Amino acid sequence: MVMTAPVSEATVRDVLATVHDPEIPNISIVDLGIVERVAVTANAIEVELLPTFVGCPALEVIEASVVEALAPLGRPANVSFTWRVPGTSERISETGRARLAASGFAPPAEPSDVRCPYCQSALVAMDSAFGPTQCRSLFYCRDCRQPFEAFKPI
């Protein structure tokens, strides 16, 4: 179904809030803070995204998901990634941080400030600075004994 109503930046941002991170499906790219710019013209929709890390394996999937989500608006979507503005973990919304923790991931923090997403304990130990992706590290909670991943601060 293609919309015929006028398309605004707010409409596009509402649609982008429904595009979820491919690795953590309960958090949107808006809550992750990677939507940098949205521009709507008579002929197209332009979206600039901020990659969290160089070489992030999810970038192509995110780009395709954005194009697919915007297709019903009836205009071509030009999606690009930019380094013009540095990405920072401070862009993650409070909702995004809560959803990360609810998914078993510690939100970005310095290693000495990481808390267990399961029991909120500060008695955690980093098992490895290198997790399954460049943006995450592996930790272990000494209280509840759960392993978990923590997003690296950028």
N, C-alpha and C. Protein backbone atom coordinates (compact mmCIF):
# COMPACT_ATOMS: atom_id res chain seq x y z
N MET A 1 0.84 -1.19 0.00
CA MET A 1 0.00 0.00 0.00
C MET A 1 0.88 1.25 0.00
N VAL A 2 0.64 2.15 -0.92
CA VAL A 2 1.40 3.38 -1.03
C VAL A 2 0.52 4.53 -0.58
N MET A 3 1.09 5.37 0.29
CA MET A 3 0.36 6.53 0.78
C MET A 3 0.30 7.60 -0.30
N THR A 4 -0.78 8.34 -0.33
CA THR A 4 -0.89 9.46 -1.26
C THR A 4 -0.95 10.79 -0.51
N ALA A 5 -1.01 10.75 0.79
CA ALA A 5 -1.06 11.97 1.60
C ALA A 5 0.32 12.63 1.61
N PRO A 6 0.36 13.92 1.92
CA PRO A 6 1.65 14.59 2.02
C PRO A 6 2.57 13.88 3.03
N VAL A 7 3.84 13.90 2.71
CA VAL A 7 4.82 13.25 3.58
C VAL A 7 5.64 14.34 4.26
N SER A 8 5.72 14.28 5.56
CA SER A 8 6.50 15.26 6.32
C SER A 8 7.70 14.57 6.98
N GLU A 9 8.61 15.38 7.47
CA GLU A 9 9.75 14.84 8.22
C GLU A 9 9.26 14.07 9.44
N ALA A 10 8.25 14.58 10.11
CA ALA A 10 7.70 13.90 11.30
C ALA A 10 7.16 12.52 10.93
N THR A 11 6.48 12.43 9.78
CA THR A 11 5.96 11.14 9.32
C THR A 11 7.10 10.16 9.10
N VAL A 12 8.14 10.63 8.44
CA VAL A 12 9.31 9.77 8.16
C VAL A 12 9.94 9.33 9.48
N ARG A 13 10.10 10.24 10.42
CA ARG A 13 10.70 9.87 11.71
C ARG A 13 9.83 8.86 12.46
N ASP A 14 8.52 9.00 12.35
CA ASP A 14 7.62 8.01 12.97
C ASP A 14 7.82 6.63 12.35
N VAL A 15 7.98 6.59 11.04
CA VAL A 15 8.23 5.31 10.37
C VAL A 15 9.59 4.75 10.81
N LEU A 16 10.60 5.60 10.89
CA LEU A 16 11.93 5.14 11.29
C LEU A 16 11.92 4.56 12.71
N ALA A 17 11.02 5.04 13.55
CA ALA A 17 10.91 4.52 14.91
C ALA A 17 10.40 3.08 14.93
N THR A 18 9.91 2.60 13.78
CA THR A 18 9.45 1.21 13.68
C THR A 18 10.53 0.29 13.11
N VAL A 19 11.66 0.86 12.69
CA VAL A 19 12.77 0.07 12.14
C VAL A 19 13.66 -0.36 13.30
N HIS A 20 13.77 -1.65 13.48
CA HIS A 20 14.51 -2.17 14.62
C HIS A 20 15.92 -2.60 14.25
N ASP A 21 16.79 -2.56 15.22
CA ASP A 21 18.16 -3.04 15.05
C ASP A 21 18.10 -4.53 14.73
N PRO A 22 18.83 -5.00 13.72
CA PRO A 22 18.74 -6.41 13.37
C PRO A 22 19.27 -7.36 14.44
N GLU A 23 20.14 -6.89 15.30
CA GLU A 23 20.71 -7.75 16.34
C GLU A 23 19.91 -7.71 17.64
N ILE A 24 19.22 -6.61 17.87
CA ILE A 24 18.44 -6.44 19.09
C ILE A 24 17.06 -5.93 18.67
N PRO A 25 16.16 -6.84 18.32
CA PRO A 25 14.91 -6.45 17.69
C PRO A 25 13.95 -5.61 18.52
N ASN A 26 14.17 -5.45 19.79
CA ASN A 26 13.21 -4.63 20.55
C ASN A 26 13.67 -3.18 20.71
N ILE A 27 14.71 -2.77 19.98
CA ILE A 27 15.16 -1.38 20.03
C ILE A 27 15.20 -0.82 18.61
N SER A 28 14.65 0.36 18.45
CA SER A 28 14.61 0.97 17.12
C SER A 28 15.90 1.73 16.83
N ILE A 29 16.09 2.00 15.55
CA ILE A 29 17.27 2.77 15.17
C ILE A 29 17.16 4.21 15.68
N VAL A 30 15.93 4.68 15.90
CA VAL A 30 15.74 6.01 16.48
C VAL A 30 16.22 5.99 17.94
N ASP A 31 15.80 4.98 18.71
CA ASP A 31 16.23 4.90 20.11
C ASP A 31 17.72 4.65 20.23
N LEU A 32 18.33 4.00 19.23
CA LEU A 32 19.78 3.82 19.24
C LEU A 32 20.52 5.12 18.94
N GLY A 33 19.80 6.11 18.43
CA GLY A 33 20.41 7.41 18.15
C GLY A 33 21.20 7.46 16.86
N ILE A 34 20.92 6.55 15.93
CA ILE A 34 21.73 6.56 14.70
C ILE A 34 21.07 7.33 13.56
N VAL A 35 19.84 7.83 13.74
CA VAL A 35 19.21 8.65 12.70
C VAL A 35 19.74 10.08 12.88
N GLU A 36 20.51 10.53 11.92
CA GLU A 36 21.11 11.86 12.00
C GLU A 36 20.26 12.91 11.31
N ARG A 37 19.85 12.63 10.07
CA ARG A 37 19.15 13.66 9.31
C ARG A 37 18.06 13.03 8.45
N VAL A 38 16.94 13.73 8.35
CA VAL A 38 15.85 13.33 7.48
C VAL A 38 15.47 14.57 6.67
N ALA A 39 15.36 14.38 5.36
CA ALA A 39 14.92 15.47 4.48
C ALA A 39 13.89 14.89 3.52
N VAL A 40 12.80 15.62 3.35
CA VAL A 40 11.73 15.20 2.45
C VAL A 40 11.61 16.25 1.35
N THR A 41 11.70 15.77 0.11
CA THR A 41 11.47 16.63 -1.04
C THR A 41 10.26 16.10 -1.80
N ALA A 42 9.88 16.80 -2.86
CA ALA A 42 8.73 16.37 -3.65
C ALA A 42 8.98 15.02 -4.33
N ASN A 43 10.26 14.69 -4.54
CA ASN A 43 10.58 13.48 -5.29
C ASN A 43 11.28 12.38 -4.51
N ALA A 44 11.70 12.65 -3.29
CA ALA A 44 12.48 11.64 -2.57
C ALA A 44 12.49 11.90 -1.07
N ILE A 45 12.93 10.90 -0.36
CA ILE A 45 13.18 11.00 1.07
C ILE A 45 14.65 10.68 1.27
N GLU A 46 15.35 11.57 1.96
CA GLU A 46 16.76 11.33 2.25
C GLU A 46 16.93 11.09 3.74
N VAL A 47 17.67 10.04 4.06
CA VAL A 47 17.93 9.70 5.46
C VAL A 47 19.43 9.48 5.62
N GLU A 48 20.01 10.19 6.56
CA GLU A 48 21.42 9.98 6.91
C GLU A 48 21.48 9.29 8.26
N LEU A 49 22.25 8.22 8.32
CA LEU A 49 22.41 7.44 9.54
C LEU A 49 23.86 7.52 9.99
N LEU A 50 24.05 7.38 11.29
CA LEU A 50 25.40 7.36 11.87
C LEU A 50 25.77 5.93 12.25
N PRO A 51 26.80 5.37 11.63
CA PRO A 51 27.23 4.04 12.06
C PRO A 51 27.83 4.12 13.46
N THR A 52 27.61 3.08 14.24
CA THR A 52 28.18 3.08 15.59
C THR A 52 29.66 2.74 15.57
N PHE A 53 30.06 1.82 14.71
CA PHE A 53 31.46 1.43 14.60
C PHE A 53 31.81 1.22 13.14
N VAL A 54 33.06 1.48 12.78
CA VAL A 54 33.53 1.20 11.43
C VAL A 54 33.42 -0.30 11.19
N GLY A 55 32.88 -0.66 10.06
CA GLY A 55 32.78 -2.08 9.72
C GLY A 55 31.65 -2.81 10.41
N CYS A 56 30.67 -2.11 10.95
CA CYS A 56 29.53 -2.76 11.60
C CYS A 56 28.86 -3.68 10.58
N PRO A 57 28.69 -4.95 10.92
CA PRO A 57 28.12 -5.89 9.95
C PRO A 57 26.63 -5.68 9.70
N ALA A 58 25.97 -4.87 10.51
CA ALA A 58 24.52 -4.69 10.37
C ALA A 58 24.14 -3.52 9.46
N LEU A 59 25.10 -2.76 8.98
CA LEU A 59 24.78 -1.54 8.23
C LEU A 59 23.93 -1.82 6.98
N GLU A 60 24.29 -2.82 6.20
CA GLU A 60 23.53 -3.12 4.99
C GLU A 60 22.10 -3.54 5.32
N VAL A 61 21.95 -4.30 6.39
CA VAL A 61 20.61 -4.75 6.80
C VAL A 61 19.78 -3.55 7.27
N ILE A 62 20.40 -2.66 8.03
CA ILE A 62 19.69 -1.47 8.50
C ILE A 62 19.27 -0.61 7.31
N GLU A 63 20.17 -0.39 6.37
CA GLU A 63 19.85 0.41 5.19
C GLU A 63 18.67 -0.19 4.43
N ALA A 64 18.72 -1.49 4.18
CA ALA A 64 17.63 -2.16 3.46
C ALA A 64 16.32 -2.07 4.24
N SER A 65 16.38 -2.19 5.56
CA SER A 65 15.18 -2.11 6.39
C SER A 65 14.56 -0.72 6.34
N VAL A 66 15.39 0.31 6.30
CA VAL A 66 14.89 1.68 6.21
C VAL A 66 14.20 1.89 4.86
N VAL A 67 14.85 1.46 3.78
CA VAL A 67 14.25 1.61 2.45
C VAL A 67 12.91 0.89 2.39
N GLU A 68 12.86 -0.33 2.91
CA GLU A 68 11.62 -1.11 2.91
C GLU A 68 10.53 -0.44 3.75
N ALA A 69 10.89 0.07 4.92
CA ALA A 69 9.89 0.70 5.80
C ALA A 69 9.33 1.97 5.19
N LEU A 70 10.16 2.71 4.43
CA LEU A 70 9.71 3.97 3.84
C LEU A 70 8.99 3.80 2.51
N ALA A 71 9.07 2.62 1.91
CA ALA A 71 8.46 2.38 0.59
C ALA A 71 6.97 2.76 0.54
N PRO A 72 6.17 2.46 1.56
CA PRO A 72 4.74 2.83 1.49
C PRO A 72 4.48 4.33 1.42
N LEU A 73 5.50 5.14 1.69
CA LEU A 73 5.30 6.59 1.60
C LEU A 73 5.31 7.07 0.15
N GLY A 74 5.65 6.17 -0.81
CA GLY A 74 5.51 6.48 -2.22
C GLY A 74 6.60 7.30 -2.85
N ARG A 75 7.72 7.44 -2.18
CA ARG A 75 8.85 8.18 -2.75
C ARG A 75 10.11 7.35 -2.59
N PRO A 76 11.04 7.48 -3.53
CA PRO A 76 12.30 6.75 -3.35
C PRO A 76 13.00 7.22 -2.07
N ALA A 77 13.58 6.28 -1.36
CA ALA A 77 14.33 6.60 -0.14
C ALA A 77 15.81 6.46 -0.42
N ASN A 78 16.53 7.55 -0.26
CA ASN A 78 17.98 7.54 -0.41
C ASN A 78 18.57 7.49 1.00
N VAL A 79 19.15 6.36 1.35
CA VAL A 79 19.69 6.15 2.69
C VAL A 79 21.20 6.10 2.58
N SER A 80 21.87 6.84 3.44
CA SER A 80 23.33 6.83 3.44
C SER A 80 23.84 6.88 4.88
N PHE A 81 25.09 6.50 5.03
CA PHE A 81 25.76 6.58 6.34
C PHE A 81 26.77 7.71 6.26
N THR A 82 26.86 8.47 7.31
CA THR A 82 27.75 9.62 7.31
C THR A 82 28.68 9.58 8.52
N TRP A 83 29.87 10.10 8.32
CA TRP A 83 30.83 10.29 9.40
C TRP A 83 30.97 11.78 9.69
N ARG A 84 30.14 12.60 9.00
CA ARG A 84 30.18 14.05 9.16
C ARG A 84 29.98 14.45 10.62
N VAL A 85 29.09 13.75 11.27
CA VAL A 85 28.83 13.96 12.70
C VAL A 85 29.29 12.70 13.41
N PRO A 86 30.11 12.83 14.44
CA PRO A 86 30.54 11.61 15.13
C PRO A 86 29.39 10.95 15.90
N GLY A 87 29.27 9.65 15.74
CA GLY A 87 28.31 8.91 16.53
C GLY A 87 28.80 8.82 17.97
N THR A 88 27.90 8.87 18.90
CA THR A 88 28.26 8.75 20.30
C THR A 88 27.16 7.99 21.03
N SER A 89 27.55 7.22 22.02
CA SER A 89 26.56 6.45 22.76
C SER A 89 25.63 7.34 23.58
N GLU A 90 25.97 8.61 23.73
CA GLU A 90 25.09 9.55 24.43
C GLU A 90 23.81 9.82 23.64
N ARG A 91 23.80 9.45 22.36
CA ARG A 91 22.62 9.64 21.52
C ARG A 91 21.55 8.59 21.79
N ILE A 92 21.89 7.51 22.49
CA ILE A 92 20.91 6.47 22.80
C ILE A 92 19.90 7.06 23.78
N SER A 93 18.62 6.92 23.44
CA SER A 93 17.56 7.48 24.29
C SER A 93 17.43 6.69 25.59
N GLU A 94 16.73 7.27 26.55
CA GLU A 94 16.47 6.56 27.80
C GLU A 94 15.65 5.30 27.53
N THR A 95 14.70 5.40 26.60
CA THR A 95 13.93 4.22 26.21
C THR A 95 14.86 3.17 25.62
N GLY A 96 15.78 3.60 24.78
CA GLY A 96 16.75 2.68 24.18
C GLY A 96 17.61 2.00 25.22
N ARG A 97 18.07 2.76 26.21
CA ARG A 97 18.89 2.17 27.29
C ARG A 97 18.09 1.14 28.09
N ALA A 98 16.84 1.47 28.36
CA ALA A 98 15.98 0.53 29.10
C ALA A 98 15.73 -0.73 28.28
N ARG A 99 15.53 -0.57 26.99
CA ARG A 99 15.27 -1.74 26.14
C ARG A 99 16.52 -2.59 25.97
N LEU A 100 17.69 -1.96 25.95
CA LEU A 100 18.94 -2.75 25.92
C LEU A 100 19.02 -3.63 27.16
N ALA A 101 18.81 -3.01 28.32
CA ALA A 101 18.90 -3.76 29.58
C ALA A 101 17.84 -4.86 29.63
N ALA A 102 16.63 -4.58 29.15
CA ALA A 102 15.58 -5.59 29.15
C ALA A 102 15.91 -6.76 28.23
N SER A 103 16.78 -6.51 27.27
CA SER A 103 17.21 -7.56 26.34
C SER A 103 18.45 -8.30 26.82
N GLY A 104 18.96 -7.93 28.01
CA GLY A 104 20.13 -8.61 28.56
C GLY A 104 21.46 -7.99 28.15
N PHE A 105 21.42 -6.76 27.66
CA PHE A 105 22.64 -6.05 27.29
C PHE A 105 22.83 -4.87 28.23
N ALA A 106 24.05 -4.68 28.70
CA ALA A 106 24.33 -3.50 29.51
C ALA A 106 24.48 -2.31 28.57
N PRO A 107 23.80 -1.20 28.87
CA PRO A 107 23.97 0.00 28.05
C PRO A 107 25.42 0.49 28.10
N PRO A 108 25.82 1.32 27.17
CA PRO A 108 27.21 1.79 27.13
C PRO A 108 27.62 2.47 28.43
N ALA A 109 28.79 2.10 28.91
CA ALA A 109 29.38 2.71 30.10
C ALA A 109 30.86 2.35 30.10
N GLU A 110 31.63 3.10 30.81
CA GLU A 110 33.04 2.74 30.99
C GLU A 110 33.07 1.40 31.72
N PRO A 111 34.08 0.56 31.45
CA PRO A 111 34.11 -0.77 32.09
C PRO A 111 33.93 -0.75 33.61
N SER A 112 34.46 0.26 34.27
CA SER A 112 34.33 0.33 35.73
C SER A 112 32.91 0.70 36.18
N ASP A 113 32.07 1.18 35.24
CA ASP A 113 30.70 1.59 35.57
C ASP A 113 29.64 0.64 35.04
N VAL A 114 30.04 -0.46 34.41
CA VAL A 114 29.07 -1.40 33.84
C VAL A 114 28.32 -2.09 34.98
N ARG A 115 27.00 -2.21 34.80
CA ARG A 115 26.15 -2.92 35.76
C ARG A 115 25.49 -4.09 35.05
N CYS A 116 25.25 -5.13 35.80
CA CYS A 116 24.59 -6.31 35.25
C CYS A 116 23.17 -5.94 34.83
N PRO A 117 22.77 -6.26 33.59
CA PRO A 117 21.42 -5.94 33.17
C PRO A 117 20.35 -6.82 33.82
N TYR A 118 20.77 -7.90 34.47
CA TYR A 118 19.81 -8.82 35.10
C TYR A 118 19.51 -8.45 36.55
N CYS A 119 20.56 -8.11 37.32
CA CYS A 119 20.34 -7.83 38.74
C CYS A 119 20.82 -6.44 39.16
N GLN A 120 21.36 -5.67 38.22
CA GLN A 120 21.86 -4.31 38.46
C GLN A 120 23.10 -4.24 39.35
N SER A 121 23.72 -5.38 39.62
CA SER A 121 24.92 -5.40 40.45
C SER A 121 26.09 -4.72 39.73
N ALA A 122 26.92 -4.05 40.53
CA ALA A 122 28.15 -3.47 40.00
C ALA A 122 29.32 -4.44 40.15
N LEU A 123 29.07 -5.61 40.75
CA LEU A 123 30.12 -6.61 40.92
C LEU A 123 30.21 -7.46 39.65
N VAL A 124 30.81 -6.85 38.63
CA VAL A 124 30.94 -7.50 37.33
C VAL A 124 32.40 -7.54 36.93
N ALA A 125 32.72 -8.48 36.07
CA ALA A 125 34.09 -8.60 35.57
C ALA A 125 34.04 -8.72 34.06
N MET A 126 34.95 -8.02 33.38
CA MET A 126 35.03 -8.15 31.93
C MET A 126 35.76 -9.44 31.60
N ASP A 127 35.08 -10.31 30.85
CA ASP A 127 35.71 -11.53 30.39
C ASP A 127 36.56 -11.27 29.16
N SER A 128 36.06 -10.39 28.29
CA SER A 128 36.78 -10.08 27.06
C SER A 128 36.32 -8.73 26.54
N ALA A 129 37.27 -7.92 26.12
CA ALA A 129 36.93 -6.63 25.51
C ALA A 129 36.32 -6.84 24.14
N PHE A 130 36.46 -8.04 23.62
CA PHE A 130 35.99 -8.35 22.27
C PHE A 130 34.80 -9.28 22.34
N GLY A 131 33.63 -8.74 21.99
CA GLY A 131 32.40 -9.54 21.98
C GLY A 131 32.12 -10.04 20.58
N PRO A 132 30.89 -10.45 20.33
CA PRO A 132 30.53 -10.99 19.02
C PRO A 132 30.57 -9.94 17.91
N THR A 133 30.48 -8.66 18.27
CA THR A 133 30.63 -7.58 17.31
C THR A 133 31.55 -6.54 17.91
N GLN A 134 32.02 -5.61 17.07
CA GLN A 134 32.98 -4.60 17.53
C GLN A 134 32.42 -3.67 18.59
N CYS A 135 31.11 -3.57 18.67
CA CYS A 135 30.51 -2.60 19.59
C CYS A 135 30.22 -3.17 20.97
N ARG A 136 30.54 -4.45 21.20
CA ARG A 136 30.19 -5.07 22.48
C ARG A 136 31.37 -5.81 23.10
N SER A 137 31.36 -5.86 24.43
CA SER A 137 32.33 -6.61 25.23
C SER A 137 31.58 -7.67 26.03
N LEU A 138 32.31 -8.66 26.49
CA LEU A 138 31.71 -9.74 27.28
C LEU A 138 32.01 -9.53 28.77
N PHE A 139 30.97 -9.65 29.59
CA PHE A 139 31.09 -9.49 31.04
C PHE A 139 30.48 -10.68 31.75
N TYR A 140 30.77 -10.76 33.05
CA TYR A 140 30.22 -11.80 33.91
C TYR A 140 29.83 -11.14 35.22
N CYS A 141 28.63 -11.42 35.71
CA CYS A 141 28.17 -10.86 36.98
C CYS A 141 28.56 -11.79 38.12
N ARG A 142 29.25 -11.25 39.09
CA ARG A 142 29.68 -12.06 40.24
C ARG A 142 28.56 -12.28 41.25
N ASP A 143 27.48 -11.51 41.16
CA ASP A 143 26.34 -11.71 42.06
C ASP A 143 25.36 -12.76 41.53
N CYS A 144 24.80 -12.52 40.36
CA CYS A 144 23.79 -13.46 39.84
C CYS A 144 24.41 -14.52 38.92
N ARG A 145 25.70 -14.38 38.65
CA ARG A 145 26.47 -15.36 37.87
C ARG A 145 26.03 -15.47 36.41
N GLN A 146 25.44 -14.41 35.90
CA GLN A 146 25.01 -14.40 34.50
C GLN A 146 26.10 -13.79 33.62
N PRO A 147 26.41 -14.42 32.50
CA PRO A 147 27.24 -13.74 31.51
C PRO A 147 26.36 -12.75 30.74
N PHE A 148 26.94 -11.68 30.29
CA PHE A 148 26.17 -10.72 29.49
C PHE A 148 27.12 -9.90 28.62
N GLU A 149 26.53 -9.23 27.68
CA GLU A 149 27.28 -8.35 26.80
C GLU A 149 27.01 -6.91 27.20
N ALA A 150 28.02 -6.08 27.07
CA ALA A 150 27.88 -4.66 27.35
C ALA A 150 28.30 -3.88 26.11
N PHE A 151 27.49 -2.89 25.75
CA PHE A 151 27.85 -2.05 24.63
C PHE A 151 28.99 -1.13 25.04
N LYS A 152 29.95 -1.00 24.15
CA LYS A 152 31.09 -0.12 24.41
C LYS A 152 30.67 1.33 24.24
N PRO A 153 31.17 2.20 25.10
CA PRO A 153 30.85 3.62 24.91
C PRO A 153 31.66 4.18 23.73
N ILE A 154 31.03 5.04 22.98
CA ILE A 154 31.73 5.71 21.89
C ILE A 154 31.51 7.20 21.98
